[in-house]
Amino acid sequence: RRYAEAHGGTDNVKVFTKYVPFMDSSRSTAVDTNEVSRQSLQVETLDLVQYCWYGPFFGQGHIEAAGRLQELQREGRVAHIGGCNYDTTHLKELVEAGVPIETNQVQFSLLDLRPENGLLEYCKAQGIKLLCFGTVAGGWLSDKYLGAPAPPEWLPGDLQEGTVSKKMYWESLQSWSGPFGWSLFQDLLRTLRRVADRHPGASIATVAMAWVQRRLDDTCGGGIIVGVRDTTHLADLQTLKGLRLTDEDLREIREALQRGRKPAGDVWDRERLPGSIV
């Protein structure tokens, strides 16, 4: 409301909402959630609803719940439907069931390459755009940790200092670096710093974000989701707008990545396991 008053409306603003039923495919849940979102935003139609099936994929429940969104779309209460944390197998099930998925929000970073295990190619073939979060791994991919000492004895994520995001992405860092641990991670940060030095104003974080965007541009298309907690991030984002990594940059970064473990599994499969931090 305040934005509309200050800028004369919201025609140029698109708000992406989420629908996360806990193993619930009922119409009533879909309708009630949609009503809350539309009332909160004071709109008749939600621009894009990103659908995440919270829980294990048993049976046809996740497809039935997506069908509820299609009903709301036909009724004019939803404009576009996207997925969220959908792996390739189950995204394919939605598409084959006729659900018009246009986007899929997933975790993708230099420390979490799981989208390269088939999802990028499938989305390219289907015309589905990826919206990627976690591109700086909760802050681990930043100049702050270049040359920093290793956390004591590689404490598990739930004991690490910092934000919830940093705790969550700690597992991705460990999964990629494997037995070489912090030393290999430092090699990656040094590589990113060398690349950043070739681009005026760039940082390790901006290079990490630009790398994900370049991978999307070269495959299925889409964009990165940037979390801005305070104004200290604004300079990086201004630099990011004009940062284009070269083929030489990409080769150097890929060589550094190949020193770590190859990504195992598909997107969000590890996070669905019992006991996951998410």
C-alpha atoms as a PDB file:
ATOM      1  CA  ARG A   1       0.000   0.000   0.000  1.00  0.00           C
ATOM      2  CA  ARG A   2       2.789   2.436   0.894  1.00  0.00           C
ATOM      3  CA  TYR A   3       4.616   1.599  -2.341  1.00  0.00           C
ATOM      4  CA  ALA A   4       1.479   2.238  -4.373  1.00  0.00           C
ATOM      5  CA  GLU A   5       0.948   5.588  -2.677  1.00  0.00           C
ATOM      6  CA  ALA A   6       4.566   6.634  -3.258  1.00  0.00           C
ATOM      7  CA  HIS A   7       4.796   5.439  -6.870  1.00  0.00           C
ATOM      8  CA  GLY A   8       1.293   5.933  -8.178  1.00  0.00           C
ATOM      9  CA  GLY A   9       0.311   2.293  -8.333  1.00  0.00           C
ATOM     10  CA  THR A  10       1.754  -1.187  -8.552  1.00  0.00           C
ATOM     11  CA  ASP A  11       1.270  -2.067 -12.220  1.00  0.00           C
ATOM     12  CA  ASN A  12       5.018  -2.661 -12.655  1.00  0.00           C
ATOM     13  CA  VAL A  13       5.341  -4.804  -9.516  1.00  0.00           C
ATOM     14  CA  LYS A  14       4.853  -8.567  -9.530  1.00  0.00           C
ATOM     15  CA  VAL A  15       4.539 -10.439  -6.241  1.00  0.00           C
ATOM     16  CA  PHE A  16       5.343 -14.150  -6.189  1.00  0.00           C
ATOM     17  CA  THR A  17       3.560 -16.007  -3.415  1.00  0.00           C
ATOM     18  CA  LYS A  18       3.806 -19.586  -2.192  1.00  0.00           C
ATOM     19  CA  TYR A  19       1.452 -22.423  -1.538  1.00  0.00           C
ATOM     20  CA  VAL A  20       2.910 -25.052   0.827  1.00  0.00           C
ATOM     21  CA  PRO A  21       0.291 -27.609   1.906  1.00  0.00           C
ATOM     22  CA  PHE A  22       1.518 -30.185   4.392  1.00  0.00           C
ATOM     23  CA  MET A  23       0.510 -33.328   2.504  1.00  0.00           C
ATOM     24  CA  ASP A  24      -2.937 -31.796   2.009  1.00  0.00           C
ATOM     25  CA  SER A  25      -4.558 -31.864  -1.434  1.00  0.00           C
ATOM     26  CA  SER A  26      -7.976 -30.563  -0.379  1.00  0.00           C
ATOM     27  CA  ARG A  27      -9.699 -27.758  -2.248  1.00  0.00           C
ATOM     28  CA  SER A  28     -10.629 -26.011   0.990  1.00  0.00           C
ATOM     29  CA  THR A  29      -6.976 -25.565   1.968  1.00  0.00           C
ATOM     30  CA  ALA A  30      -6.108 -24.212  -1.467  1.00  0.00           C
ATOM     31  CA  VAL A  31      -9.040 -21.795  -1.464  1.00  0.00           C
ATOM     32  CA  ASP A  32      -8.420 -20.572   2.075  1.00  0.00           C
ATOM     33  CA  THR A  33      -4.729 -19.986   1.427  1.00  0.00           C
ATOM     34  CA  ASN A  34      -5.469 -18.161  -1.812  1.00  0.00           C
ATOM     35  CA  GLU A  35      -8.009 -15.956  -0.044  1.00  0.00           C
ATOM     36  CA  VAL A  36      -5.519 -14.969   2.654  1.00  0.00           C
ATOM     37  CA  SER A  37      -2.870 -14.074   0.057  1.00  0.00           C
ATOM     38  CA  ARG A  38      -5.245 -12.034  -2.107  1.00  0.00           C
ATOM     39  CA  GLN A  39      -6.615 -10.142   0.859  1.00  0.00           C
ATOM     40  CA  SER A  40      -3.129  -9.413   2.173  1.00  0.00           C
ATOM     41  CA  LEU A  41      -2.019  -8.076  -1.209  1.00  0.00           C
ATOM     42  CA  GLN A  42      -5.387  -6.501  -1.992  1.00  0.00           C
ATOM     43  CA  VAL A  43      -5.549  -8.065  -5.441  1.00  0.00           C
ATOM     44  CA  GLU A  44      -8.106 -10.134  -7.322  1.00  0.00           C
ATOM     45  CA  THR A  45      -5.502 -12.404  -8.919  1.00  0.00           C
ATOM     46  CA  LEU A  46      -2.175 -13.667  -7.599  1.00  0.00           C
ATOM     47  CA  ASP A  47       0.631 -13.097 -10.128  1.00  0.00           C
ATOM     48  CA  LEU A  48       2.540 -16.339  -9.568  1.00  0.00           C
ATOM     49  CA  VAL A  49       1.895 -19.035  -6.991  1.00  0.00           C
ATOM     50  CA  GLN A  50       4.943 -21.186  -6.294  1.00  0.00           C
ATOM     51  CA  TYR A  51       3.761 -24.581  -5.153  1.00  0.00           C
ATOM     52  CA  CYS A  52       5.815 -26.696  -2.738  1.00  0.00           C
ATOM     53  CA  TRP A  53       4.636 -30.128  -1.592  1.00  0.00           C
ATOM     54  CA  TYR A  54       5.791 -30.255   2.021  1.00  0.00           C
ATOM     55  CA  GLY A  55       6.496 -33.847   2.873  1.00  0.00           C
ATOM     56  CA  PRO A  56       7.391 -37.091   1.110  1.00  0.00           C
ATOM     57  CA  PHE A  57       6.059 -37.856  -2.343  1.00  0.00           C
ATOM     58  CA  PHE A  58       3.598 -40.661  -1.654  1.00  0.00           C
ATOM     59  CA  GLY A  59       1.012 -41.501  -4.301  1.00  0.00           C
ATOM     60  CA  GLN A  60      -0.792 -38.831  -6.304  1.00  0.00           C
ATOM     61  CA  GLY A  61      -1.306 -36.306  -3.494  1.00  0.00           C
ATOM     62  CA  HIS A  62       1.114 -33.715  -4.821  1.00  0.00           C
ATOM     63  CA  ILE A  63      -0.482 -33.865  -8.279  1.00  0.00           C
ATOM     64  CA  GLU A  64      -3.978 -33.506  -6.829  1.00  0.00           C
ATOM     65  CA  ALA A  65      -2.903 -30.468  -4.794  1.00  0.00           C
ATOM     66  CA  ALA A  66      -1.460 -28.888  -7.927  1.00  0.00           C
ATOM     67  CA  GLY A  67      -4.775 -29.533  -9.622  1.00  0.00           C
ATOM     68  CA  ARG A  68      -6.431 -27.323  -7.014  1.00  0.00           C
ATOM     69  CA  LEU A  69      -4.245 -24.471  -8.177  1.00  0.00           C
ATOM     70  CA  GLN A  70      -5.345 -25.137 -11.747  1.00  0.00           C
ATOM     71  CA  GLU A  71      -8.962 -24.809 -10.597  1.00  0.00           C
ATOM     72  CA  LEU A  72      -8.142 -21.447  -8.996  1.00  0.00           C
ATOM     73  CA  GLN A  73      -6.341 -20.418 -12.156  1.00  0.00           C
ATOM     74  CA  ARG A  74      -9.415 -21.175 -14.254  1.00  0.00           C
ATOM     75  CA  GLU A  75     -11.482 -19.141 -11.794  1.00  0.00           C
ATOM     76  CA  GLY A  76      -9.195 -16.133 -12.236  1.00  0.00           C
ATOM     77  CA  ARG A  77      -7.692 -16.225  -8.769  1.00  0.00           C
ATOM     78  CA  VAL A  78      -4.216 -17.323  -9.927  1.00  0.00           C
ATOM     79  CA  ALA A  79      -2.448 -16.055 -13.047  1.00  0.00           C
ATOM     80  CA  HIS A  80       0.586 -18.349 -13.225  1.00  0.00           C
ATOM     81  CA  ILE A  81       1.676 -21.555 -11.459  1.00  0.00           C
ATOM     82  CA  GLY A  82       5.229 -22.466 -10.521  1.00  0.00           C
ATOM     83  CA  GLY A  83       6.915 -25.180  -8.542  1.00  0.00           C
ATOM     84  CA  CYS A  84       9.175 -24.859  -5.537  1.00  0.00           C
ATOM     85  CA  ASN A  85      11.883 -27.361  -4.548  1.00  0.00           C
ATOM     86  CA  TYR A  86      10.606 -29.829  -7.133  1.00  0.00           C
ATOM     87  CA  ASP A  87      13.095 -32.440  -8.279  1.00  0.00           C
ATOM     88  CA  THR A  88      13.197 -33.593 -11.883  1.00  0.00           C
ATOM     89  CA  THR A  89      11.199 -36.784 -11.378  1.00  0.00           C
ATOM     90  CA  HIS A  90       8.256 -35.180  -9.607  1.00  0.00           C
ATOM     91  CA  LEU A  91       8.318 -32.025 -11.718  1.00  0.00           C
ATOM     92  CA  LYS A  92       7.942 -34.311 -14.718  1.00  0.00           C
ATOM     93  CA  GLU A  93       4.924 -35.928 -13.055  1.00  0.00           C
ATOM     94  CA  LEU A  94       3.248 -32.529 -12.725  1.00  0.00           C
ATOM     95  CA  VAL A  95       3.971 -31.628 -16.337  1.00  0.00           C
ATOM     96  CA  GLU A  96       2.718 -34.973 -17.636  1.00  0.00           C
ATOM     97  CA  ALA A  97      -0.448 -34.529 -15.564  1.00  0.00           C
ATOM     98  CA  GLY A  98      -1.120 -31.307 -17.449  1.00  0.00           C
ATOM     99  CA  VAL A  99      -0.193 -28.827 -14.732  1.00  0.00           C
ATOM    100  CA  PRO A 100       1.063 -25.671 -16.519  1.00  0.00           C
ATOM    101  CA  ILE A 101       4.273 -25.196 -14.532  1.00  0.00           C
ATOM    102  CA  GLU A 102       6.143 -22.090 -15.705  1.00  0.00           C
ATOM    103  CA  THR A 103       8.860 -21.786 -13.051  1.00  0.00           C
ATOM    104  CA  ASN A 104      10.557 -23.841 -10.373  1.00  0.00           C
ATOM    105  CA  GLN A 105      12.253 -22.267  -7.361  1.00  0.00           C
ATOM    106  CA  VAL A 106      15.292 -24.296  -6.308  1.00  0.00           C
ATOM    107  CA  GLN A 107      18.580 -24.054  -4.457  1.00  0.00           C
ATOM    108  CA  PHE A 108      21.546 -23.610  -6.817  1.00  0.00           C
ATOM    109  CA  SER A 109      25.037 -22.389  -6.032  1.00  0.00           C
ATOM    110  CA  LEU A 110      28.700 -23.198  -6.500  1.00  0.00           C
ATOM    111  CA  LEU A 111      28.372 -25.399  -3.416  1.00  0.00           C
ATOM    112  CA  ASP A 112      25.125 -27.042  -4.487  1.00  0.00           C
ATOM    113  CA  LEU A 113      25.233 -28.169  -8.093  1.00  0.00           C
ATOM    114  CA  ARG A 114      22.372 -30.643  -7.895  1.00  0.00           C
ATOM    115  CA  PRO A 115      20.310 -28.822 -10.583  1.00  0.00           C
ATOM    116  CA  GLU A 116      23.017 -29.920 -13.030  1.00  0.00           C
ATOM    117  CA  ASN A 117      21.955 -33.551 -12.479  1.00  0.00           C
ATOM    118  CA  GLY A 118      19.148 -33.334 -15.001  1.00  0.00           C
ATOM    119  CA  LEU A 119      16.900 -30.488 -13.868  1.00  0.00           C
ATOM    120  CA  LEU A 120      18.503 -27.783 -16.031  1.00  0.00           C
ATOM    121  CA  GLU A 121      18.155 -29.897 -19.151  1.00  0.00           C
ATOM    122  CA  TYR A 122      14.581 -30.942 -18.416  1.00  0.00           C
ATOM    123  CA  CYS A 123      13.462 -27.383 -17.717  1.00  0.00           C
ATOM    124  CA  LYS A 124      15.108 -26.189 -20.910  1.00  0.00           C
ATOM    125  CA  ALA A 125      13.227 -28.812 -22.904  1.00  0.00           C
ATOM    126  CA  GLN A 126       9.918 -27.895 -21.237  1.00  0.00           C
ATOM    127  CA  GLY A 127      10.345 -24.116 -21.294  1.00  0.00           C
ATOM    128  CA  ILE A 128      10.343 -23.906 -17.482  1.00  0.00           C
ATOM    129  CA  LYS A 129      12.386 -21.124 -15.900  1.00  0.00           C
ATOM    130  CA  LEU A 130      14.349 -21.661 -12.692  1.00  0.00           C
ATOM    131  CA  LEU A 131      14.275 -19.133  -9.866  1.00  0.00           C
ATOM    132  CA  CYS A 132      17.320 -19.872  -7.736  1.00  0.00           C
ATOM    133  CA  PHE A 133      17.935 -19.148  -4.075  1.00  0.00           C
ATOM    134  CA  GLY A 134      21.004 -19.801  -1.947  1.00  0.00           C
ATOM    135  CA  THR A 135      23.374 -18.485  -4.606  1.00  0.00           C
ATOM    136  CA  VAL A 136      25.884 -17.247  -2.000  1.00  0.00           C
ATOM    137  CA  ALA A 137      25.206 -20.182   0.328  1.00  0.00           C
ATOM    138  CA  GLY A 138      23.919 -18.073   3.177  1.00  0.00           C
ATOM    139  CA  GLY A 139      27.062 -15.926   3.138  1.00  0.00           C
ATOM    140  CA  TRP A 140      29.721 -18.639   3.023  1.00  0.00           C
ATOM    141  CA  LEU A 141      30.568 -17.598  -0.546  1.00  0.00           C
ATOM    142  CA  SER A 142      31.877 -14.179   0.390  1.00  0.00           C
ATOM    143  CA  ASP A 143      35.100 -12.303   1.053  1.00  0.00           C
ATOM    144  CA  LYS A 144      34.404 -12.569   4.766  1.00  0.00           C
ATOM    145  CA  TYR A 145      35.615 -16.185   4.787  1.00  0.00           C
ATOM    146  CA  LEU A 146      38.588 -15.812   2.467  1.00  0.00           C
ATOM    147  CA  GLY A 147      41.621 -16.592   4.633  1.00  0.00           C
ATOM    148  CA  ALA A 148      39.460 -17.166   7.703  1.00  0.00           C
ATOM    149  CA  PRO A 149      40.274 -20.049  10.048  1.00  0.00           C
ATOM    150  CA  ALA A 150      38.186 -23.182   9.847  1.00  0.00           C
ATOM    151  CA  PRO A 151      35.283 -23.429  12.277  1.00  0.00           C
ATOM    152  CA  PRO A 152      36.291 -25.555  15.275  1.00  0.00           C
ATOM    153  CA  GLU A 153      36.384 -29.239  14.317  1.00  0.00           C
ATOM    154  CA  TRP A 154      33.825 -28.634  11.600  1.00  0.00           C
ATOM    155  CA  LEU A 155      30.927 -28.324  13.998  1.00  0.00           C
ATOM    156  CA  PRO A 156      27.566 -29.520  12.630  1.00  0.00           C
ATOM    157  CA  GLY A 157      25.308 -26.934  11.084  1.00  0.00           C
ATOM    158  CA  ASP A 158      22.981 -26.541  14.057  1.00  0.00           C
ATOM    159  CA  LEU A 159      25.938 -25.457  16.213  1.00  0.00           C
ATOM    160  CA  GLN A 160      27.488 -23.021  13.741  1.00  0.00           C
ATOM    161  CA  GLU A 161      27.469 -19.331  14.497  1.00  0.00           C
ATOM    162  CA  GLY A 162      25.513 -17.029  12.243  1.00  0.00           C
ATOM    163  CA  THR A 163      22.168 -16.967  10.510  1.00  0.00           C
ATOM    164  CA  VAL A 164      19.761 -19.822   9.935  1.00  0.00           C
ATOM    165  CA  SER A 165      20.702 -19.672   6.255  1.00  0.00           C
ATOM    166  CA  LYS A 166      24.359 -20.129   7.070  1.00  0.00           C
ATOM    167  CA  LYS A 167      23.537 -23.177   9.155  1.00  0.00           C
ATOM    168  CA  MET A 168      21.437 -24.646   6.363  1.00  0.00           C
ATOM    169  CA  TYR A 169      24.097 -24.174   3.680  1.00  0.00           C
ATOM    170  CA  TRP A 170      26.865 -25.545   5.890  1.00  0.00           C
ATOM    171  CA  GLU A 171      25.727 -29.007   4.843  1.00  0.00           C
ATOM    172  CA  SER A 172      26.163 -28.089   1.169  1.00  0.00           C
ATOM    173  CA  LEU A 173      29.662 -26.825   1.867  1.00  0.00           C
ATOM    174  CA  GLN A 174      30.582 -30.069   3.596  1.00  0.00           C
ATOM    175  CA  SER A 175      29.000 -32.194   0.897  1.00  0.00           C
ATOM    176  CA  TRP A 176      31.066 -30.527  -1.836  1.00  0.00           C
ATOM    177  CA  SER A 177      34.400 -30.207  -0.009  1.00  0.00           C
ATOM    178  CA  GLY A 178      34.374 -33.711   1.451  1.00  0.00           C
ATOM    179  CA  PRO A 179      37.519 -34.929   3.217  1.00  0.00           C
ATOM    180  CA  PHE A 180      39.540 -31.904   2.069  1.00  0.00           C
ATOM    181  CA  GLY A 181      37.217 -29.639   4.047  1.00  0.00           C
ATOM    182  CA  TRP A 182      38.090 -26.044   4.738  1.00  0.00           C
ATOM    183  CA  SER A 183      41.324 -26.148   2.742  1.00  0.00           C
ATOM    184  CA  LEU A 184      39.491 -26.981  -0.482  1.00  0.00           C
ATOM    185  CA  PHE A 185      36.850 -24.366   0.276  1.00  0.00           C
ATOM    186  CA  GLN A 186      39.637 -21.788   0.628  1.00  0.00           C
ATOM    187  CA  ASP A 187      40.942 -22.805  -2.813  1.00  0.00           C
ATOM    188  CA  LEU A 188      37.509 -22.098  -4.257  1.00  0.00           C
ATOM    189  CA  LEU A 189      37.306 -18.711  -2.528  1.00  0.00           C
ATOM    190  CA  ARG A 190      40.742 -17.761  -3.851  1.00  0.00           C
ATOM    191  CA  THR A 191      39.635 -18.685  -7.357  1.00  0.00           C
ATOM    192  CA  LEU A 192      36.519 -16.542  -7.026  1.00  0.00           C
ATOM    193  CA  ARG A 193      38.611 -13.666  -5.717  1.00  0.00           C
ATOM    194  CA  ARG A 194      40.938 -13.866  -8.747  1.00  0.00           C
ATOM    195  CA  VAL A 195      37.930 -13.783 -11.043  1.00  0.00           C
ATOM    196  CA  ALA A 196      36.445 -10.857  -9.121  1.00  0.00           C
ATOM    197  CA  ASP A 197      39.710  -8.918  -9.474  1.00  0.00           C
ATOM    198  CA  ARG A 198      39.247  -8.979 -13.240  1.00  0.00           C
ATOM    199  CA  HIS A 199      35.918  -7.157 -12.902  1.00  0.00           C
ATOM    200  CA  PRO A 200      35.900  -3.671 -11.325  1.00  0.00           C
ATOM    201  CA  GLY A 201      33.906  -3.531  -8.112  1.00  0.00           C
ATOM    202  CA  ALA A 202      33.183  -7.256  -8.041  1.00  0.00           C
ATOM    203  CA  SER A 203      33.329  -9.384  -4.914  1.00  0.00           C
ATOM    204  CA  ILE A 204      33.331 -13.111  -4.265  1.00  0.00           C
ATOM    205  CA  ALA A 205      29.582 -12.915  -3.626  1.00  0.00           C
ATOM    206  CA  THR A 206      28.816 -11.112  -6.879  1.00  0.00           C
ATOM    207  CA  VAL A 207      30.895 -13.600  -8.857  1.00  0.00           C
ATOM    208  CA  ALA A 208      29.051 -16.489  -7.164  1.00  0.00           C
ATOM    209  CA  MET A 209      25.683 -14.949  -8.057  1.00  0.00           C
ATOM    210  CA  ALA A 210      26.768 -14.108 -11.604  1.00  0.00           C
ATOM    211  CA  TRP A 211      27.923 -17.700 -12.115  1.00  0.00           C
ATOM    212  CA  VAL A 212      24.460 -19.067 -11.331  1.00  0.00           C
ATOM    213  CA  GLN A 213      22.811 -16.485 -13.568  1.00  0.00           C
ATOM    214  CA  ARG A 214      25.158 -17.381 -16.428  1.00  0.00           C
ATOM    215  CA  ARG A 215      24.326 -21.089 -16.032  1.00  0.00           C
ATOM    216  CA  LEU A 216      20.638 -20.223 -16.255  1.00  0.00           C
ATOM    217  CA  ASP A 217      21.187 -17.991 -19.281  1.00  0.00           C
ATOM    218  CA  ASP A 218      23.042 -20.805 -21.024  1.00  0.00           C
ATOM    219  CA  THR A 219      20.373 -23.419 -20.302  1.00  0.00           C
ATOM    220  CA  CYS A 220      16.732 -23.011 -19.263  1.00  0.00           C
ATOM    221  CA  GLY A 221      16.634 -19.323 -18.370  1.00  0.00           C
ATOM    222  CA  GLY A 222      15.334 -17.733 -15.204  1.00  0.00           C
ATOM    223  CA  GLY A 223      16.794 -15.586 -12.478  1.00  0.00           C
ATOM    224  CA  ILE A 224      18.374 -15.549  -9.058  1.00  0.00           C
ATOM    225  CA  ILE A 225      16.660 -14.631  -5.817  1.00  0.00           C
ATOM    226  CA  VAL A 226      18.714 -12.199  -3.786  1.00  0.00           C
ATOM    227  CA  GLY A 227      18.270 -11.799  -0.062  1.00  0.00           C
ATOM    228  CA  VAL A 228      19.044  -8.272   1.121  1.00  0.00           C
ATOM    229  CA  ARG A 229      19.007  -8.007   4.907  1.00  0.00           C
ATOM    230  CA  ASP A 230      20.430  -4.483   5.073  1.00  0.00           C
ATOM    231  CA  THR A 231      21.948  -1.699   2.966  1.00  0.00           C
ATOM    232  CA  THR A 232      25.460  -3.183   3.084  1.00  0.00           C
ATOM    233  CA  HIS A 233      24.439  -5.502   0.229  1.00  0.00           C
ATOM    234  CA  LEU A 234      23.303  -2.758  -2.144  1.00  0.00           C
ATOM    235  CA  ALA A 235      26.740  -2.007  -3.634  1.00  0.00           C
ATOM    236  CA  ASP A 236      27.182  -5.667  -4.565  1.00  0.00           C
ATOM    237  CA  LEU A 237      23.801  -5.709  -6.259  1.00  0.00           C
ATOM    238  CA  GLN A 238      24.612  -2.614  -8.279  1.00  0.00           C
ATOM    239  CA  THR A 239      27.807  -4.305  -9.466  1.00  0.00           C
ATOM    240  CA  LEU A 240      25.948  -7.529 -10.201  1.00  0.00           C
ATOM    241  CA  LYS A 241      23.632  -5.762 -12.645  1.00  0.00           C
ATOM    242  CA  GLY A 242      26.509  -5.219 -15.063  1.00  0.00           C
ATOM    243  CA  LEU A 243      28.690  -8.232 -14.249  1.00  0.00           C
ATOM    244  CA  ARG A 244      29.104 -10.719 -17.095  1.00  0.00           C
ATOM    245  CA  LEU A 245      31.526 -13.567 -16.561  1.00  0.00           C
ATOM    246  CA  THR A 246      33.767 -14.499 -19.468  1.00  0.00           C
ATOM    247  CA  ASP A 247      34.383 -17.975 -20.824  1.00  0.00           C
ATOM    248  CA  GLU A 248      37.812 -17.812 -19.181  1.00  0.00           C
ATOM    249  CA  ASP A 249      36.172 -17.036 -15.842  1.00  0.00           C
ATOM    250  CA  LEU A 250      33.818 -19.972 -16.237  1.00  0.00           C
ATOM    251  CA  ARG A 251      36.624 -22.386 -17.090  1.00  0.00           C
ATOM    252  CA  GLU A 252      38.672 -21.335 -14.080  1.00  0.00           C
ATOM    253  CA  ILE A 253      35.705 -21.667 -11.737  1.00  0.00           C
ATOM    254  CA  ARG A 254      34.748 -25.060 -13.156  1.00  0.00           C
ATOM    255  CA  GLU A 255      38.287 -26.358 -12.652  1.00  0.00           C
ATOM    256  CA  ALA A 256      38.090 -25.333  -8.991  1.00  0.00           C
ATOM    257  CA  LEU A 257      34.689 -27.003  -8.596  1.00  0.00           C
ATOM    258  CA  GLN A 258      35.937 -30.256 -10.077  1.00  0.00           C
ATOM    259  CA  ARG A 259      38.400 -30.630  -7.208  1.00  0.00           C
ATOM    260  CA  GLY A 260      35.450 -31.239  -4.906  1.00  0.00           C
ATOM    261  CA  ARG A 261      32.869 -33.978  -4.860  1.00  0.00           C
ATOM    262  CA  LYS A 262      30.468 -34.325  -7.726  1.00  0.00           C
ATOM    263  CA  PRO A 263      26.913 -33.395  -6.735  1.00  0.00           C
ATOM    264  CA  ALA A 264      24.849 -36.363  -5.628  1.00  0.00           C
ATOM    265  CA  GLY A 265      21.114 -36.667  -6.021  1.00  0.00           C
ATOM    266  CA  ASP A 266      18.502 -34.215  -7.212  1.00  0.00           C
ATOM    267  CA  VAL A 267      17.364 -30.897  -5.785  1.00  0.00           C
ATOM    268  CA  TRP A 268      16.001 -30.913  -2.253  1.00  0.00           C
ATOM    269  CA  ASP A 269      16.165 -34.689  -1.824  1.00  0.00           C
ATOM    270  CA  ARG A 270      18.620 -34.398   1.065  1.00  0.00           C
ATOM    271  CA  GLU A 271      16.483 -31.768   2.743  1.00  0.00           C
ATOM    272  CA  ARG A 272      13.422 -34.023   2.683  1.00  0.00           C
ATOM    273  CA  LEU A 273      15.135 -36.618   4.843  1.00  0.00           C
ATOM    274  CA  PRO A 274      14.057 -36.929   8.498  1.00  0.00           C
ATOM    275  CA  GLY A 275      16.232 -34.799  10.776  1.00  0.00           C
ATOM    276  CA  SER A 276      17.125 -32.238   8.118  1.00  0.00           C
ATOM    277  CA  ILE A 277      17.747 -28.723   9.433  1.00  0.00           C
ATOM    278  CA  VAL A 278      14.940 -27.469   7.160  1.00  0.00           C
END
